[in-house]
Amino acid sequence: MSSQYLYYYGINLLKNNPNIKNNRKIFNFNTEQIQTLPMTANINTPFIHQLITDNNLPITKNMTCQIAYKHFSINMEMGWHQDDASVFKHSNRHCEKYGVEKYNLFYNSKQPIYTMVLYLNNYGEDFYGGEFCFVDVEIKPIKGLGIFFDSKEIHRVKKILKGTRQSCLIKFYI
């Protein structure tokens, strides 16, 4: 039920705020350079700075970033979500009293402003499944493909059917 709520929440978010979709960028990057990316990198690290500059990303000097390497193996998936958010289910009594929907989002920590996913291997060769989905488009990951988007945008990763999907996830914060 919460997954369905998030999907429709995502559709309405795009309808009511076209800037979220306008922040989306899909680009190619040099996969050899990512091998030198330390986990303690920041927006001034040459590889990240080059991605920001080459793709005209809206990252400002006062932002910081966090980096994580993700390895999804068979049967792993991520349902519809916003980055660093959880779904909170209200009781029927709470909904009636405060006039809110049954599900709301809340943030476990500081919410990132933007997210960037960099793919390190190929759909159809190294793994099957694991497509990256926004509510309006599905992307089959290939090595050297980057996706940049507003962290409020609802997205998911479909179930891995075979192999291991590898990516680098970079979240930008103020």
C-alpha atoms as a PDB file:
ATOM      1  CA  MET A   1       0.000   0.000   0.000  1.00  0.00           C
ATOM      2  CA  SER A   2       2.741   2.512   0.838  1.00  0.00           C
ATOM      3  CA  SER A   3       4.505   1.703  -2.444  1.00  0.00           C
ATOM      4  CA  GLN A   4       1.335   2.531  -4.375  1.00  0.00           C
ATOM      5  CA  TYR A   5       0.932   5.747  -2.358  1.00  0.00           C
ATOM      6  CA  LEU A   6       4.509   6.762  -3.206  1.00  0.00           C
ATOM      7  CA  TYR A   7       4.026   6.034  -6.912  1.00  0.00           C
ATOM      8  CA  TYR A   8       0.966   8.303  -7.099  1.00  0.00           C
ATOM      9  CA  TYR A   9       2.661  10.855  -4.858  1.00  0.00           C
ATOM     10  CA  GLY A  10       5.527  10.868  -7.395  1.00  0.00           C
ATOM     11  CA  ILE A  11       3.172  11.397 -10.345  1.00  0.00           C
ATOM     12  CA  ASN A  12       1.497  14.338  -8.578  1.00  0.00           C
ATOM     13  CA  LEU A  13       4.881  15.760  -7.576  1.00  0.00           C
ATOM     14  CA  LEU A  14       5.930  15.885 -11.257  1.00  0.00           C
ATOM     15  CA  LYS A  15       2.605  17.427 -12.312  1.00  0.00           C
ATOM     16  CA  ASN A  16       2.694  20.125  -9.652  1.00  0.00           C
ATOM     17  CA  ASN A  17       6.418  20.904  -9.782  1.00  0.00           C
ATOM     18  CA  PRO A  18       7.891  20.688 -13.312  1.00  0.00           C
ATOM     19  CA  ASN A  19      11.283  21.926 -12.043  1.00  0.00           C
ATOM     20  CA  ILE A  20      11.852  18.529 -10.427  1.00  0.00           C
ATOM     21  CA  LYS A  21      11.782  16.827 -13.832  1.00  0.00           C
ATOM     22  CA  ASN A  22      13.779  19.689 -15.390  1.00  0.00           C
ATOM     23  CA  ASN A  23      16.652  18.995 -12.951  1.00  0.00           C
ATOM     24  CA  ARG A  24      17.045  15.465 -14.373  1.00  0.00           C
ATOM     25  CA  LYS A  25      20.160  14.910 -16.454  1.00  0.00           C
ATOM     26  CA  ILE A  26      21.412  11.742 -18.098  1.00  0.00           C
ATOM     27  CA  PHE A  27      25.016  11.790 -19.251  1.00  0.00           C
ATOM     28  CA  ASN A  28      28.108   9.683 -19.949  1.00  0.00           C
ATOM     29  CA  PHE A  29      31.262   9.696 -17.824  1.00  0.00           C
ATOM     30  CA  ASN A  30      34.775   8.244 -18.012  1.00  0.00           C
ATOM     31  CA  THR A  31      34.652   4.981 -16.046  1.00  0.00           C
ATOM     32  CA  GLU A  32      38.455   4.860 -15.700  1.00  0.00           C
ATOM     33  CA  GLN A  33      38.478   8.085 -13.690  1.00  0.00           C
ATOM     34  CA  ILE A  34      35.974   6.833 -11.130  1.00  0.00           C
ATOM     35  CA  GLN A  35      38.500   4.248  -9.953  1.00  0.00           C
ATOM     36  CA  THR A  36      40.444   7.086  -8.298  1.00  0.00           C
ATOM     37  CA  LEU A  37      37.411   8.443  -6.435  1.00  0.00           C
ATOM     38  CA  PRO A  38      38.009   8.176  -2.673  1.00  0.00           C
ATOM     39  CA  MET A  39      35.077   7.649  -0.281  1.00  0.00           C
ATOM     40  CA  THR A  40      36.071  10.946   1.376  1.00  0.00           C
ATOM     41  CA  ALA A  41      35.688  12.907  -1.868  1.00  0.00           C
ATOM     42  CA  ASN A  42      33.972  16.286  -1.961  1.00  0.00           C
ATOM     43  CA  ILE A  43      32.627  18.566  -4.689  1.00  0.00           C
ATOM     44  CA  ASN A  44      36.171  19.840  -5.362  1.00  0.00           C
ATOM     45  CA  THR A  45      37.572  16.356  -6.011  1.00  0.00           C
ATOM     46  CA  PRO A  46      38.687  16.494  -9.684  1.00  0.00           C
ATOM     47  CA  PHE A  47      36.379  13.691 -10.918  1.00  0.00           C
ATOM     48  CA  ILE A  48      33.266  15.125  -9.215  1.00  0.00           C
ATOM     49  CA  HIS A  49      34.164  18.715 -10.144  1.00  0.00           C
ATOM     50  CA  GLN A  50      34.549  17.633 -13.794  1.00  0.00           C
ATOM     51  CA  LEU A  51      31.119  15.903 -13.768  1.00  0.00           C
ATOM     52  CA  ILE A  52      29.524  19.052 -12.314  1.00  0.00           C
ATOM     53  CA  THR A  53      31.214  21.328 -14.849  1.00  0.00           C
ATOM     54  CA  ASP A  54      30.851  19.122 -17.957  1.00  0.00           C
ATOM     55  CA  ASN A  55      27.141  18.504 -17.322  1.00  0.00           C
ATOM     56  CA  ASN A  56      26.260  21.971 -16.009  1.00  0.00           C
ATOM     57  CA  LEU A  57      24.865  20.516 -12.787  1.00  0.00           C
ATOM     58  CA  PRO A  58      23.280  22.959 -10.296  1.00  0.00           C
ATOM     59  CA  ILE A  59      25.772  22.201  -7.507  1.00  0.00           C
ATOM     60  CA  THR A  60      26.968  25.200  -5.503  1.00  0.00           C
ATOM     61  CA  LYS A  61      30.158  25.742  -3.497  1.00  0.00           C
ATOM     62  CA  ASN A  62      28.316  25.511  -0.173  1.00  0.00           C
ATOM     63  CA  MET A  63      27.192  21.922  -0.862  1.00  0.00           C
ATOM     64  CA  THR A  64      28.805  18.768   0.456  1.00  0.00           C
ATOM     65  CA  CYS A  65      28.479  15.214  -0.838  1.00  0.00           C
ATOM     66  CA  GLN A  66      28.397  11.647   0.434  1.00  0.00           C
ATOM     67  CA  ILE A  67      29.543   8.708  -1.673  1.00  0.00           C
ATOM     68  CA  ALA A  68      28.507   5.061  -1.483  1.00  0.00           C
ATOM     69  CA  TYR A  69      29.285   2.143  -3.768  1.00  0.00           C
ATOM     70  CA  LYS A  70      26.237  -0.092  -4.217  1.00  0.00           C
ATOM     71  CA  HIS A  71      26.310  -3.774  -5.190  1.00  0.00           C
ATOM     72  CA  PHE A  72      22.868  -5.266  -5.774  1.00  0.00           C
ATOM     73  CA  SER A  73      22.800  -9.038  -6.193  1.00  0.00           C
ATOM     74  CA  ILE A  74      20.016 -11.497  -7.061  1.00  0.00           C
ATOM     75  CA  ASN A  75      16.574 -10.668  -5.587  1.00  0.00           C
ATOM     76  CA  MET A  76      17.681  -7.269  -4.251  1.00  0.00           C
ATOM     77  CA  GLU A  77      15.497  -4.303  -5.145  1.00  0.00           C
ATOM     78  CA  MET A  78      14.426  -0.902  -3.841  1.00  0.00           C
ATOM     79  CA  GLY A  79      10.752   0.026  -3.858  1.00  0.00           C
ATOM     80  CA  TRP A  80       9.396   3.459  -4.695  1.00  0.00           C
ATOM     81  CA  HIS A  81      11.106   6.036  -2.479  1.00  0.00           C
ATOM     82  CA  GLN A  82      12.592   9.480  -2.056  1.00  0.00           C
ATOM     83  CA  ASP A  83      16.213   9.513  -0.968  1.00  0.00           C
ATOM     84  CA  ASP A  84      16.684   9.308   2.804  1.00  0.00           C
ATOM     85  CA  ALA A  85      12.914   9.297   3.440  1.00  0.00           C
ATOM     86  CA  SER A  86      10.617   6.747   5.027  1.00  0.00           C
ATOM     87  CA  VAL A  87       6.881   6.305   4.863  1.00  0.00           C
ATOM     88  CA  PHE A  88       4.964   6.819   8.081  1.00  0.00           C
ATOM     89  CA  LYS A  89       1.534   5.214   8.375  1.00  0.00           C
ATOM     90  CA  HIS A  90      -1.008   7.206  10.375  1.00  0.00           C
ATOM     91  CA  SER A  91      -3.861   5.620  12.283  1.00  0.00           C
ATOM     92  CA  ASN A  92      -7.384   6.235  10.978  1.00  0.00           C
ATOM     93  CA  ARG A  93      -8.093   8.329  14.077  1.00  0.00           C
ATOM     94  CA  HIS A  94      -5.029  10.534  13.426  1.00  0.00           C
ATOM     95  CA  CYS A  95      -6.102  10.994   9.767  1.00  0.00           C
ATOM     96  CA  GLU A  96      -9.602  12.106  10.742  1.00  0.00           C
ATOM     97  CA  LYS A  97      -8.409  14.433  13.519  1.00  0.00           C
ATOM     98  CA  TYR A  98      -5.726  16.210  11.469  1.00  0.00           C
ATOM     99  CA  GLY A  99      -7.140  15.808   7.963  1.00  0.00           C
ATOM    100  CA  VAL A 100      -4.020  14.108   6.597  1.00  0.00           C
ATOM    101  CA  GLU A 101      -3.574  11.200   4.221  1.00  0.00           C
ATOM    102  CA  LYS A 102      -2.931   7.751   5.640  1.00  0.00           C
ATOM    103  CA  TYR A 103       0.754   7.817   4.631  1.00  0.00           C
ATOM    104  CA  ASN A 104       3.252  10.656   4.959  1.00  0.00           C
ATOM    105  CA  LEU A 105       6.961  10.951   4.251  1.00  0.00           C
ATOM    106  CA  PHE A 106       9.458  11.833   6.944  1.00  0.00           C
ATOM    107  CA  TYR A 107      13.219  12.085   6.835  1.00  0.00           C
ATOM    108  CA  ASN A 108      15.530   9.941   8.917  1.00  0.00           C
ATOM    109  CA  SER A 109      18.340  12.476   8.635  1.00  0.00           C
ATOM    110  CA  LYS A 110      19.096  15.564   6.626  1.00  0.00           C
ATOM    111  CA  GLN A 111      17.480  15.278   3.184  1.00  0.00           C
ATOM    112  CA  PRO A 112      19.857  15.449   0.208  1.00  0.00           C
ATOM    113  CA  ILE A 113      19.136  18.121  -2.401  1.00  0.00           C
ATOM    114  CA  TYR A 114      20.368  16.144  -5.430  1.00  0.00           C
ATOM    115  CA  THR A 115      21.350  12.553  -6.169  1.00  0.00           C
ATOM    116  CA  MET A 116      23.707  11.222  -8.816  1.00  0.00           C
ATOM    117  CA  VAL A 117      23.974   7.550  -9.778  1.00  0.00           C
ATOM    118  CA  LEU A 118      26.968   6.380 -11.827  1.00  0.00           C
ATOM    119  CA  TYR A 119      26.768   2.899 -13.365  1.00  0.00           C
ATOM    120  CA  LEU A 120      29.842   0.668 -13.274  1.00  0.00           C
ATOM    121  CA  ASN A 121      28.643  -2.371 -15.252  1.00  0.00           C
ATOM    122  CA  ASN A 122      26.188  -3.382 -17.973  1.00  0.00           C
ATOM    123  CA  TYR A 123      22.564  -4.470 -18.007  1.00  0.00           C
ATOM    124  CA  GLY A 124      22.218  -7.564 -20.211  1.00  0.00           C
ATOM    125  CA  GLU A 125      25.866  -8.611 -19.748  1.00  0.00           C
ATOM    126  CA  ASP A 126      26.799  -8.397 -16.062  1.00  0.00           C
ATOM    127  CA  PHE A 127      23.271  -8.519 -14.651  1.00  0.00           C
ATOM    128  CA  TYR A 128      19.594  -8.747 -15.610  1.00  0.00           C
ATOM    129  CA  GLY A 129      16.815  -6.797 -13.927  1.00  0.00           C
ATOM    130  CA  GLY A 130      17.789  -3.833 -11.771  1.00  0.00           C
ATOM    131  CA  GLU A 131      16.296  -1.203 -14.068  1.00  0.00           C
ATOM    132  CA  PHE A 132      16.219   2.298 -12.569  1.00  0.00           C
ATOM    133  CA  CYS A 133      12.725   3.802 -12.723  1.00  0.00           C
ATOM    134  CA  PHE A 134      11.219   7.221 -12.265  1.00  0.00           C
ATOM    135  CA  VAL A 135       7.403   7.249 -12.277  1.00  0.00           C
ATOM    136  CA  ASP A 136       7.463   8.254 -15.965  1.00  0.00           C
ATOM    137  CA  VAL A 137      10.539   6.483 -17.406  1.00  0.00           C
ATOM    138  CA  GLU A 138      12.609   3.310 -17.011  1.00  0.00           C
ATOM    139  CA  ILE A 139      16.389   3.251 -17.595  1.00  0.00           C
ATOM    140  CA  LYS A 140      18.489   0.153 -18.248  1.00  0.00           C
ATOM    141  CA  PRO A 141      21.872   0.826 -16.614  1.00  0.00           C
ATOM    142  CA  ILE A 142      25.013   0.626 -18.730  1.00  0.00           C
ATOM    143  CA  LYS A 143      28.620   1.191 -17.750  1.00  0.00           C
ATOM    144  CA  GLY A 144      29.537   4.867 -18.017  1.00  0.00           C
ATOM    145  CA  LEU A 145      25.966   6.175 -17.740  1.00  0.00           C
ATOM    146  CA  GLY A 146      25.191   8.792 -15.091  1.00  0.00           C
ATOM    147  CA  ILE A 147      21.811   9.977 -13.837  1.00  0.00           C
ATOM    148  CA  PHE A 148      21.454  13.230 -11.894  1.00  0.00           C
ATOM    149  CA  PHE A 149      18.119  14.165 -10.307  1.00  0.00           C
ATOM    150  CA  ASP A 150      16.334  16.062  -7.556  1.00  0.00           C
ATOM    151  CA  SER A 151      16.389  13.875  -4.428  1.00  0.00           C
ATOM    152  CA  LYS A 152      12.679  14.572  -3.858  1.00  0.00           C
ATOM    153  CA  GLU A 153      11.844  12.726  -7.075  1.00  0.00           C
ATOM    154  CA  ILE A 154      10.224   9.329  -6.477  1.00  0.00           C
ATOM    155  CA  HIS A 155      12.215   6.444  -7.985  1.00  0.00           C
ATOM    156  CA  ARG A 156      12.947   2.740  -7.570  1.00  0.00           C
ATOM    157  CA  VAL A 157      15.284  -0.079  -8.616  1.00  0.00           C
ATOM    158  CA  LYS A 158      13.629  -3.224  -9.973  1.00  0.00           C
ATOM    159  CA  LYS A 159      14.566  -6.672  -8.670  1.00  0.00           C
ATOM    160  CA  ILE A 160      17.901  -8.127  -9.818  1.00  0.00           C
ATOM    161  CA  LEU A 161      17.206 -11.375 -11.666  1.00  0.00           C
ATOM    162  CA  LYS A 162      20.774 -12.489 -12.395  1.00  0.00           C
ATOM    163  CA  GLY A 163      24.308 -11.245 -11.652  1.00  0.00           C
ATOM    164  CA  THR A 164      25.386  -8.195  -9.652  1.00  0.00           C
ATOM    165  CA  ARG A 165      24.547  -4.569 -10.494  1.00  0.00           C
ATOM    166  CA  GLN A 166      27.275  -2.110  -9.479  1.00  0.00           C
ATOM    167  CA  SER A 167      26.918   1.637  -9.117  1.00  0.00           C
ATOM    168  CA  CYS A 168      28.322   4.647  -7.305  1.00  0.00           C
ATOM    169  CA  LEU A 169      25.771   6.813  -5.513  1.00  0.00           C
ATOM    170  CA  ILE A 170      26.580  10.460  -4.716  1.00  0.00           C
ATOM    171  CA  LYS A 171      24.174  12.573  -2.667  1.00  0.00           C
ATOM    172  CA  PHE A 172      24.559  16.344  -2.434  1.00  0.00           C
ATOM    173  CA  TYR A 173      23.579  18.290   0.717  1.00  0.00           C
ATOM    174  CA  ILE A 174      23.512  21.913   1.846  1.00  0.00           C
END
